Amino acid sequence: MHILRIPLIPLDRVIEHVQCRVCRTRYRLGVLGLPTLAAMQAALPAGSVAAVTAMLRAGNPASARARNRAIDMVREAGRPGYDDAALTADLTAADDPAADLAPPLRALARQLVDPAPEWFLADLVRVGLADGSLSDDERGAARLIAAHLGMASAHARGVIWDTEEAASAG
């Protein structure tokens, strides 16, 4: 509608919105692409389980020290009741060829801001170091997990090396 050639209602800029049913606030559609609180709360524990099972499978999944460190990492990520039986079940599930490491790690990567990916990778490397030096397979698993977290290869190698150096010095 125009009065004296001045638009009263700018009809050429119609933007679609969604409205919250609870608070009735309206948001642009882009908000639908953002993670929900539930997704955010699930991402760290799920990503941690995927990462520790991959690291243990690359090393010695029977090592008590590595298993204990893996359990601690998952507990700190938000699953306080996680125990050795749950880890054993997760390791068994990870043996399934259909089990894919990428989805939980990519979901986690969307939640992490710098320097959280480095901290996460360093914690994971400490799982591998719990029973001695990293094997080539464990180092490869750490690099793969870092790639899923969106870290560059050189950056991941630096975090892995720094964590190994800190562990050998301490």
C-alpha atoms as a PDB file:
ATOM      1  CA  MET A   1       0.000   0.000   0.000  1.00  0.00           C
ATOM      2  CA  HIS A   2       1.344   3.450  -0.915  1.00  0.00           C
ATOM      3  CA  ILE A   3       0.316   6.971  -0.022  1.00  0.00           C
ATOM      4  CA  LEU A   4       1.920   9.644  -2.138  1.00  0.00           C
ATOM      5  CA  ARG A   5       4.275   6.925  -3.479  1.00  0.00           C
ATOM      6  CA  ILE A   6       5.560   6.141   0.036  1.00  0.00           C
ATOM      7  CA  PRO A   7       5.154   2.504   1.059  1.00  0.00           C
ATOM      8  CA  LEU A   8       3.361   2.138   4.363  1.00  0.00           C
ATOM      9  CA  ILE A   9       3.896  -1.612   4.573  1.00  0.00           C
ATOM     10  CA  PRO A  10       7.159  -2.785   2.983  1.00  0.00           C
ATOM     11  CA  LEU A  11       5.743  -5.767   1.103  1.00  0.00           C
ATOM     12  CA  ASP A  12       8.967  -6.383  -0.785  1.00  0.00           C
ATOM     13  CA  ARG A  13      10.760  -7.545   2.414  1.00  0.00           C
ATOM     14  CA  VAL A  14       8.565 -10.326   3.717  1.00  0.00           C
ATOM     15  CA  ILE A  15      10.635 -12.708   5.851  1.00  0.00           C
ATOM     16  CA  GLU A  16       9.333 -16.005   7.143  1.00  0.00           C
ATOM     17  CA  HIS A  17       9.404 -16.581  10.881  1.00  0.00           C
ATOM     18  CA  VAL A  18       8.656 -19.312  13.382  1.00  0.00           C
ATOM     19  CA  GLN A  19       6.940 -18.662  16.689  1.00  0.00           C
ATOM     20  CA  CYS A  20       7.581 -20.370  20.001  1.00  0.00           C
ATOM     21  CA  ARG A  21       4.424 -21.989  21.310  1.00  0.00           C
ATOM     22  CA  VAL A  22       5.425 -21.336  24.915  1.00  0.00           C
ATOM     23  CA  CYS A  23       6.675 -17.744  24.985  1.00  0.00           C
ATOM     24  CA  ARG A  24       5.143 -16.636  21.669  1.00  0.00           C
ATOM     25  CA  THR A  25       8.443 -15.022  20.589  1.00  0.00           C
ATOM     26  CA  ARG A  26       9.065 -14.964  16.844  1.00  0.00           C
ATOM     27  CA  TYR A  27      12.369 -15.926  15.276  1.00  0.00           C
ATOM     28  CA  ARG A  28      13.766 -16.005  11.762  1.00  0.00           C
ATOM     29  CA  LEU A  29      13.845 -19.456  10.144  1.00  0.00           C
ATOM     30  CA  GLY A  30      17.616 -19.662  10.592  1.00  0.00           C
ATOM     31  CA  VAL A  31      17.042 -20.473  14.247  1.00  0.00           C
ATOM     32  CA  LEU A  32      15.815 -23.918  13.188  1.00  0.00           C
ATOM     33  CA  GLY A  33      19.366 -24.780  12.131  1.00  0.00           C
ATOM     34  CA  LEU A  34      20.745 -24.172  15.613  1.00  0.00           C
ATOM     35  CA  PRO A  35      21.153 -27.089  18.008  1.00  0.00           C
ATOM     36  CA  THR A  36      18.611 -27.499  20.766  1.00  0.00           C
ATOM     37  CA  LEU A  37      19.590 -27.625  24.414  1.00  0.00           C
ATOM     38  CA  ALA A  38      18.929 -31.382  24.404  1.00  0.00           C
ATOM     39  CA  ALA A  39      21.211 -31.852  21.398  1.00  0.00           C
ATOM     40  CA  MET A  40      23.919 -29.795  23.060  1.00  0.00           C
ATOM     41  CA  GLN A  41      23.679 -31.803  26.288  1.00  0.00           C
ATOM     42  CA  ALA A  42      23.865 -35.099  24.375  1.00  0.00           C
ATOM     43  CA  ALA A  43      26.754 -34.155  22.085  1.00  0.00           C
ATOM     44  CA  LEU A  44      29.644 -34.208  24.577  1.00  0.00           C
ATOM     45  CA  PRO A  45      28.878 -37.587  26.180  1.00  0.00           C
ATOM     46  CA  ALA A  46      28.102 -39.238  22.821  1.00  0.00           C
ATOM     47  CA  GLY A  47      31.219 -37.790  21.205  1.00  0.00           C
ATOM     48  CA  SER A  48      33.307 -38.845  24.197  1.00  0.00           C
ATOM     49  CA  VAL A  49      32.039 -42.429  24.028  1.00  0.00           C
ATOM     50  CA  ALA A  50      32.746 -42.594  20.285  1.00  0.00           C
ATOM     51  CA  ALA A  51      36.254 -41.204  20.779  1.00  0.00           C
ATOM     52  CA  VAL A  52      37.294 -43.379  23.728  1.00  0.00           C
ATOM     53  CA  THR A  53      36.016 -46.543  22.108  1.00  0.00           C
ATOM     54  CA  ALA A  54      37.965 -45.720  18.939  1.00  0.00           C
ATOM     55  CA  MET A  55      41.122 -45.015  20.953  1.00  0.00           C
ATOM     56  CA  LEU A  56      40.797 -48.178  23.042  1.00  0.00           C
ATOM     57  CA  ARG A  57      40.138 -50.309  19.965  1.00  0.00           C
ATOM     58  CA  ALA A  58      43.257 -48.846  18.335  1.00  0.00           C
ATOM     59  CA  GLY A  59      45.341 -49.719  21.392  1.00  0.00           C
ATOM     60  CA  ASN A  60      44.750 -52.296  24.082  1.00  0.00           C
ATOM     61  CA  PRO A  61      41.050 -52.401  25.029  1.00  0.00           C
ATOM     62  CA  ALA A  62      41.867 -54.752  27.927  1.00  0.00           C
ATOM     63  CA  SER A  63      44.277 -52.320  29.627  1.00  0.00           C
ATOM     64  CA  ALA A  64      42.818 -51.474  33.038  1.00  0.00           C
ATOM     65  CA  ARG A  65      44.609 -48.109  33.199  1.00  0.00           C
ATOM     66  CA  ALA A  66      43.384 -47.033  29.737  1.00  0.00           C
ATOM     67  CA  ARG A  67      39.853 -48.235  30.486  1.00  0.00           C
ATOM     68  CA  ASN A  68      39.777 -46.306  33.775  1.00  0.00           C
ATOM     69  CA  ARG A  69      40.979 -43.143  32.030  1.00  0.00           C
ATOM     70  CA  ALA A  70      38.337 -43.649  29.312  1.00  0.00           C
ATOM     71  CA  ILE A  71      35.605 -44.105  31.927  1.00  0.00           C
ATOM     72  CA  ASP A  72      36.751 -40.926  33.709  1.00  0.00           C
ATOM     73  CA  MET A  73      36.632 -38.984  30.434  1.00  0.00           C
ATOM     74  CA  VAL A  74      33.054 -40.088  29.718  1.00  0.00           C
ATOM     75  CA  ARG A  75      31.955 -39.374  33.295  1.00  0.00           C
ATOM     76  CA  GLU A  76      33.438 -35.871  33.116  1.00  0.00           C
ATOM     77  CA  ALA A  77      31.562 -35.380  29.830  1.00  0.00           C
ATOM     78  CA  GLY A  78      28.204 -35.801  31.555  1.00  0.00           C
ATOM     79  CA  ARG A  79      27.532 -39.473  32.214  1.00  0.00           C
ATOM     80  CA  PRO A  80      28.276 -39.835  35.934  1.00  0.00           C
ATOM     81  CA  GLY A  81      27.040 -43.434  36.105  1.00  0.00           C
ATOM     82  CA  TYR A  82      29.284 -44.645  33.271  1.00  0.00           C
ATOM     83  CA  ASP A  83      31.205 -47.726  34.358  1.00  0.00           C
ATOM     84  CA  ASP A  84      33.262 -50.647  33.078  1.00  0.00           C
ATOM     85  CA  ALA A  85      30.177 -52.620  32.009  1.00  0.00           C
ATOM     86  CA  ALA A  86      28.929 -49.667  29.935  1.00  0.00           C
ATOM     87  CA  LEU A  87      32.371 -49.290  28.365  1.00  0.00           C
ATOM     88  CA  THR A  88      32.435 -52.996  27.498  1.00  0.00           C
ATOM     89  CA  ALA A  89      28.997 -52.687  25.877  1.00  0.00           C
ATOM     90  CA  ASP A  90      30.122 -49.611  23.923  1.00  0.00           C
ATOM     91  CA  LEU A  91      33.280 -51.397  22.755  1.00  0.00           C
ATOM     92  CA  THR A  92      31.168 -54.332  21.596  1.00  0.00           C
ATOM     93  CA  ALA A  93      28.805 -51.997  19.736  1.00  0.00           C
ATOM     94  CA  ALA A  94      31.813 -50.255  18.148  1.00  0.00           C
ATOM     95  CA  ASP A  95      32.928 -53.610  16.698  1.00  0.00           C
ATOM     96  CA  ASP A  96      29.822 -53.565  14.478  1.00  0.00           C
ATOM     97  CA  PRO A  97      30.914 -52.607  10.944  1.00  0.00           C
ATOM     98  CA  ALA A  98      27.817 -50.383  10.706  1.00  0.00           C
ATOM     99  CA  ALA A  99      28.983 -48.316  13.688  1.00  0.00           C
ATOM    100  CA  ASP A 100      30.065 -44.930  12.382  1.00  0.00           C
ATOM    101  CA  LEU A 101      32.384 -42.724  14.382  1.00  0.00           C
ATOM    102  CA  ALA A 102      31.676 -39.585  12.345  1.00  0.00           C
ATOM    103  CA  PRO A 103      28.106 -38.558  13.346  1.00  0.00           C
ATOM    104  CA  PRO A 104      28.648 -38.197  17.110  1.00  0.00           C
ATOM    105  CA  LEU A 105      31.993 -36.463  16.598  1.00  0.00           C
ATOM    106  CA  ARG A 106      30.626 -34.053  14.014  1.00  0.00           C
ATOM    107  CA  ALA A 107      27.695 -33.255  16.301  1.00  0.00           C
ATOM    108  CA  LEU A 108      30.215 -32.557  19.052  1.00  0.00           C
ATOM    109  CA  ALA A 109      32.348 -30.417  16.738  1.00  0.00           C
ATOM    110  CA  ARG A 110      29.378 -28.102  16.146  1.00  0.00           C
ATOM    111  CA  GLN A 111      29.241 -27.459  19.899  1.00  0.00           C
ATOM    112  CA  LEU A 112      32.920 -26.846  20.585  1.00  0.00           C
ATOM    113  CA  VAL A 113      34.617 -23.469  20.323  1.00  0.00           C
ATOM    114  CA  ASP A 114      38.368 -22.895  20.529  1.00  0.00           C
ATOM    115  CA  PRO A 115      40.273 -24.172  22.464  1.00  0.00           C
ATOM    116  CA  ALA A 116      37.803 -26.931  23.411  1.00  0.00           C
ATOM    117  CA  PRO A 117      38.687 -29.236  20.454  1.00  0.00           C
ATOM    118  CA  GLU A 118      42.324 -29.192  21.590  1.00  0.00           C
ATOM    119  CA  TRP A 119      41.362 -29.980  25.180  1.00  0.00           C
ATOM    120  CA  PHE A 120      39.117 -32.813  24.013  1.00  0.00           C
ATOM    121  CA  LEU A 121      41.856 -34.283  21.808  1.00  0.00           C
ATOM    122  CA  ALA A 122      44.443 -33.960  24.588  1.00  0.00           C
ATOM    123  CA  ASP A 123      42.120 -35.828  26.993  1.00  0.00           C
ATOM    124  CA  LEU A 124      41.658 -38.526  24.404  1.00  0.00           C
ATOM    125  CA  VAL A 125      45.412 -38.848  23.844  1.00  0.00           C
ATOM    126  CA  ARG A 126      45.825 -39.283  27.610  1.00  0.00           C
ATOM    127  CA  VAL A 127      43.488 -42.306  27.348  1.00  0.00           C
ATOM    128  CA  GLY A 128      45.902 -43.825  24.833  1.00  0.00           C
ATOM    129  CA  LEU A 129      48.911 -42.878  26.964  1.00  0.00           C
ATOM    130  CA  ALA A 130      47.460 -44.433  30.123  1.00  0.00           C
ATOM    131  CA  ASP A 131      49.106 -47.769  29.354  1.00  0.00           C
ATOM    132  CA  GLY A 132      52.337 -46.476  27.771  1.00  0.00           C
ATOM    133  CA  SER A 133      53.454 -44.712  24.624  1.00  0.00           C
ATOM    134  CA  LEU A 134      50.994 -44.217  21.784  1.00  0.00           C
ATOM    135  CA  SER A 135      51.090 -46.882  19.103  1.00  0.00           C
ATOM    136  CA  ASP A 136      50.892 -45.920  15.441  1.00  0.00           C
ATOM    137  CA  ASP A 137      47.274 -47.114  15.439  1.00  0.00           C
ATOM    138  CA  GLU A 138      46.414 -44.973  18.468  1.00  0.00           C
ATOM    139  CA  ARG A 139      48.101 -41.969  16.870  1.00  0.00           C
ATOM    140  CA  GLY A 140      46.089 -42.629  13.688  1.00  0.00           C
ATOM    141  CA  ALA A 141      42.856 -42.860  15.690  1.00  0.00           C
ATOM    142  CA  ALA A 142      43.642 -39.540  17.392  1.00  0.00           C
ATOM    143  CA  ARG A 143      44.288 -37.881  14.011  1.00  0.00           C
ATOM    144  CA  LEU A 144      41.022 -39.292  12.606  1.00  0.00           C
ATOM    145  CA  ILE A 145      39.042 -38.024  15.587  1.00  0.00           C
ATOM    146  CA  ALA A 146      40.723 -34.618  15.280  1.00  0.00           C
ATOM    147  CA  ALA A 147      39.707 -34.483  11.609  1.00  0.00           C
ATOM    148  CA  HIS A 148      36.086 -35.198  12.554  1.00  0.00           C
ATOM    149  CA  LEU A 149      36.326 -32.350  15.067  1.00  0.00           C
ATOM    150  CA  GLY A 150      37.400 -30.050  12.238  1.00  0.00           C
ATOM    151  CA  MET A 151      41.052 -29.732  13.220  1.00  0.00           C
ATOM    152  CA  ALA A 152      43.729 -29.405  10.551  1.00  0.00           C
ATOM    153  CA  SER A 153      46.180 -32.297  10.316  1.00  0.00           C
ATOM    154  CA  ALA A 154      49.193 -30.227  11.388  1.00  0.00           C
ATOM    155  CA  HIS A 155      47.236 -28.769  14.305  1.00  0.00           C
ATOM    156  CA  ALA A 156      46.205 -32.258  15.450  1.00  0.00           C
ATOM    157  CA  ARG A 157      49.792 -33.541  15.225  1.00  0.00           C
ATOM    158  CA  GLY A 158      50.896 -30.592  17.377  1.00  0.00           C
ATOM    159  CA  VAL A 159      48.283 -31.286  20.064  1.00  0.00           C
ATOM    160  CA  ILE A 160      49.164 -34.997  20.069  1.00  0.00           C
ATOM    161  CA  TRP A 161      52.886 -34.265  20.319  1.00  0.00           C
ATOM    162  CA  ASP A 162      52.423 -31.647  23.065  1.00  0.00           C
ATOM    163  CA  THR A 163      50.289 -34.059  25.091  1.00  0.00           C
ATOM    164  CA  GLU A 164      52.847 -36.862  24.706  1.00  0.00           C
ATOM    165  CA  GLU A 165      55.648 -34.491  25.761  1.00  0.00           C
ATOM    166  CA  ALA A 166      53.719 -33.295  28.802  1.00  0.00           C
ATOM    167  CA  ALA A 167      52.980 -36.884  29.826  1.00  0.00           C
ATOM    168  CA  SER A 168      56.622 -37.953  29.503  1.00  0.00           C
ATOM    169  CA  ALA A 169      57.816 -34.894  31.466  1.00  0.00           C
ATOM    170  CA  GLY A 170      55.311 -35.391  34.267  1.00  0.00           C
END
